[in-house]
Amino acid sequence: MDERVLRLEEKVAYLERHVIEQDKAMLELNEQLTRLRAALLALRERVPDANATGAEAPEDDRPPHY
């Protein structure tokens, strides 16, 4: 009986450590996602949207010598 209890305690300790590591990883991913969203928003503000202005897409433009 003592051996079973000891094995269960070891498994619980392992699972508790695993959950703590997962929580840390999730927090890091959340922080990274927040930074990436802010960077994407900044890039969207810097780059004009050609479709919103009614301009043709660059691949549809002909060079001036045509």
N, C-alpha and C. Protein backbone atom coordinates (compact mmCIF):
# COMPACT_ATOMS: atom_id res chain seq x y z
N MET A 1 0.82 -1.20 0.00
CA MET A 1 0.00 0.00 0.00
C MET A 1 0.87 1.27 0.00
N ASP A 2 1.92 1.26 0.79
CA ASP A 2 2.80 2.43 0.86
C ASP A 2 3.46 2.71 -0.48
N GLU A 3 3.80 1.65 -1.20
CA GLU A 3 4.43 1.82 -2.52
C GLU A 3 3.47 2.50 -3.49
N ARG A 4 2.21 2.14 -3.46
CA ARG A 4 1.20 2.76 -4.34
C ARG A 4 1.03 4.24 -4.02
N VAL A 5 0.97 4.56 -2.75
CA VAL A 5 0.82 5.95 -2.34
C VAL A 5 2.05 6.75 -2.77
N LEU A 6 3.22 6.18 -2.62
CA LEU A 6 4.44 6.86 -3.01
C LEU A 6 4.45 7.13 -4.51
N ARG A 7 4.05 6.14 -5.31
CA ARG A 7 4.00 6.34 -6.77
C ARG A 7 2.98 7.42 -7.13
N LEU A 8 1.85 7.43 -6.47
CA LEU A 8 0.84 8.47 -6.74
C LEU A 8 1.35 9.85 -6.38
N GLU A 9 2.04 9.95 -5.25
CA GLU A 9 2.61 11.23 -4.85
C GLU A 9 3.65 11.72 -5.85
N GLU A 10 4.46 10.80 -6.38
CA GLU A 10 5.45 11.16 -7.39
C GLU A 10 4.77 11.67 -8.67
N LYS A 11 3.70 10.98 -9.06
CA LYS A 11 2.98 11.39 -10.26
C LYS A 11 2.33 12.76 -10.08
N VAL A 12 1.78 13.00 -8.91
CA VAL A 12 1.16 14.30 -8.64
C VAL A 12 2.22 15.39 -8.65
N ALA A 13 3.37 15.14 -8.07
CA ALA A 13 4.44 16.13 -8.06
C ALA A 13 4.90 16.42 -9.48
N TYR A 14 5.04 15.37 -10.30
CA TYR A 14 5.44 15.56 -11.69
C TYR A 14 4.40 16.40 -12.43
N LEU A 15 3.12 16.08 -12.26
CA LEU A 15 2.06 16.81 -12.94
C LEU A 15 1.98 18.26 -12.48
N GLU A 16 2.19 18.52 -11.20
CA GLU A 16 2.19 19.89 -10.70
C GLU A 16 3.33 20.70 -11.33
N ARG A 17 4.50 20.11 -11.43
CA ARG A 17 5.64 20.78 -12.05
C ARG A 17 5.36 21.04 -13.53
N HIS A 18 4.75 20.06 -14.18
CA HIS A 18 4.43 20.20 -15.59
C HIS A 18 3.43 21.34 -15.83
N VAL A 19 2.43 21.44 -14.98
CA VAL A 19 1.43 22.50 -15.10
C VAL A 19 2.07 23.87 -14.90
N ILE A 20 2.97 23.98 -13.96
CA ILE A 20 3.66 25.25 -13.72
C ILE A 20 4.49 25.64 -14.94
N GLU A 21 5.19 24.68 -15.55
CA GLU A 21 5.98 24.96 -16.75
C GLU A 21 5.09 25.38 -17.91
N GLN A 22 3.94 24.74 -18.05
CA GLN A 22 3.01 25.11 -19.11
C GLN A 22 2.46 26.51 -18.89
N ASP A 23 2.16 26.86 -17.66
CA ASP A 23 1.67 28.20 -17.36
C ASP A 23 2.71 29.26 -17.75
N LYS A 24 3.98 28.99 -17.43
CA LYS A 24 5.04 29.93 -17.80
C LYS A 24 5.13 30.07 -19.31
N ALA A 25 5.05 28.95 -20.02
CA ALA A 25 5.14 28.99 -21.48
C ALA A 25 3.96 29.75 -22.07
N MET A 26 2.76 29.56 -21.53
CA MET A 26 1.59 30.28 -22.02
C MET A 26 1.72 31.77 -21.78
N LEU A 27 2.25 32.17 -20.64
CA LEU A 27 2.45 33.59 -20.37
C LEU A 27 3.44 34.20 -21.34
N GLU A 28 4.52 33.48 -21.62
CA GLU A 28 5.51 33.97 -22.57
C GLU A 28 4.90 34.10 -23.97
N LEU A 29 4.11 33.11 -24.38
CA LEU A 29 3.46 33.18 -25.69
C LEU A 29 2.47 34.33 -25.77
N ASN A 30 1.76 34.57 -24.68
CA ASN A 30 0.80 35.67 -24.65
C ASN A 30 1.52 37.01 -24.78
N GLU A 31 2.65 37.17 -24.09
CA GLU A 31 3.42 38.40 -24.19
C GLU A 31 3.96 38.59 -25.60
N GLN A 32 4.44 37.50 -26.20
CA GLN A 32 4.96 37.58 -27.56
C GLN A 32 3.85 37.94 -28.54
N LEU A 33 2.68 37.36 -28.37
CA LEU A 33 1.55 37.67 -29.23
C LEU A 33 1.14 39.13 -29.10
N THR A 34 1.16 39.66 -27.91
CA THR A 34 0.83 41.06 -27.69
C THR A 34 1.82 41.97 -28.41
N ARG A 35 3.12 41.64 -28.30
CA ARG A 35 4.15 42.43 -28.99
C ARG A 35 3.99 42.34 -30.51
N LEU A 36 3.70 41.15 -31.02
CA LEU A 36 3.55 40.98 -32.47
C LEU A 36 2.33 41.72 -32.99
N ARG A 37 1.26 41.71 -32.23
CA ARG A 37 0.06 42.46 -32.65
C ARG A 37 0.35 43.95 -32.71
N ALA A 38 1.08 44.46 -31.74
CA ALA A 38 1.43 45.88 -31.73
C ALA A 38 2.33 46.21 -32.91
N ALA A 39 3.28 45.34 -33.21
CA ALA A 39 4.18 45.57 -34.35
C ALA A 39 3.39 45.53 -35.66
N LEU A 40 2.47 44.60 -35.78
CA LEU A 40 1.65 44.51 -37.00
C LEU A 40 0.79 45.75 -37.17
N LEU A 41 0.22 46.23 -36.10
CA LEU A 41 -0.59 47.45 -36.16
C LEU A 41 0.26 48.64 -36.60
N ALA A 42 1.48 48.73 -36.06
CA ALA A 42 2.37 49.82 -36.44
C ALA A 42 2.73 49.73 -37.92
N LEU A 43 2.98 48.53 -38.41
CA LEU A 43 3.30 48.37 -39.83
C LEU A 43 2.11 48.71 -40.72
N ARG A 44 0.93 48.32 -40.29
CA ARG A 44 -0.26 48.64 -41.08
C ARG A 44 -0.48 50.14 -41.17
N GLU A 45 -0.14 50.86 -40.12
CA GLU A 45 -0.29 52.31 -40.14
C GLU A 45 0.76 52.96 -41.04
N ARG A 46 1.93 52.36 -41.16
CA ARG A 46 3.00 52.94 -41.97
C ARG A 46 2.83 52.66 -43.45
N VAL A 47 2.26 51.51 -43.80
CA VAL A 47 2.14 51.12 -45.20
C VAL A 47 0.73 51.44 -45.68
N PRO A 48 0.63 52.27 -46.72
CA PRO A 48 -0.71 52.60 -47.21
C PRO A 48 -1.35 51.39 -47.89
N ASP A 49 -2.64 51.30 -47.76
CA ASP A 49 -3.39 50.19 -48.37
C ASP A 49 -3.80 50.61 -49.77
N ALA A 50 -3.23 50.00 -50.79
CA ALA A 50 -3.50 50.38 -52.18
C ALA A 50 -4.96 50.13 -52.54
N ASN A 51 -5.56 49.09 -52.02
CA ASN A 51 -6.95 48.79 -52.35
C ASN A 51 -7.90 49.83 -51.75
N ALA A 52 -7.57 50.36 -50.60
CA ALA A 52 -8.44 51.34 -49.95
C ALA A 52 -8.41 52.68 -50.68
N THR A 53 -7.30 53.01 -51.34
CA THR A 53 -7.19 54.29 -52.04
C THR A 53 -7.69 54.21 -53.47
N GLY A 54 -8.01 53.00 -53.93
CA GLY A 54 -8.49 52.83 -55.30
C GLY A 54 -7.38 52.68 -56.31
N ALA A 55 -6.15 52.68 -55.88
CA ALA A 55 -5.02 52.52 -56.80
C ALA A 55 -4.91 51.07 -57.23
N GLU A 56 -4.34 50.87 -58.39
CA GLU A 56 -4.14 49.51 -58.87
C GLU A 56 -3.02 48.85 -58.08
N ALA A 57 -3.05 47.54 -58.06
CA ALA A 57 -1.99 46.79 -57.39
C ALA A 57 -0.70 46.97 -58.17
N PRO A 58 0.46 46.99 -57.49
CA PRO A 58 1.74 47.21 -58.17
C PRO A 58 2.00 46.23 -59.31
N GLU A 59 1.55 44.99 -59.20
CA GLU A 59 1.82 44.04 -60.26
C GLU A 59 1.00 44.35 -61.52
N ASP A 60 -0.05 45.18 -61.40
CA ASP A 60 -0.86 45.57 -62.54
C ASP A 60 -0.36 46.85 -63.22
N ASP A 61 0.55 47.56 -62.58
CA ASP A 61 1.08 48.80 -63.15
C ASP A 61 2.03 48.48 -64.30
N ARG A 62 1.95 49.27 -65.35
CA ARG A 62 2.88 49.14 -66.47
C ARG A 62 3.97 50.18 -66.29
N PRO A 63 5.18 49.83 -66.65
CA PRO A 63 6.27 50.81 -66.57
C PRO A 63 5.96 52.00 -67.47
N PRO A 64 6.52 53.18 -67.19
CA PRO A 64 6.20 54.39 -67.96
C PRO A 64 6.62 54.32 -69.43
N HIS A 65 7.54 53.46 -69.82
CA HIS A 65 7.99 53.42 -71.20
C HIS A 65 7.06 52.62 -72.11
N TYR A 66 5.96 52.07 -71.62
CA TYR A 66 5.02 51.35 -72.47
C TYR A 66 3.96 52.28 -73.01
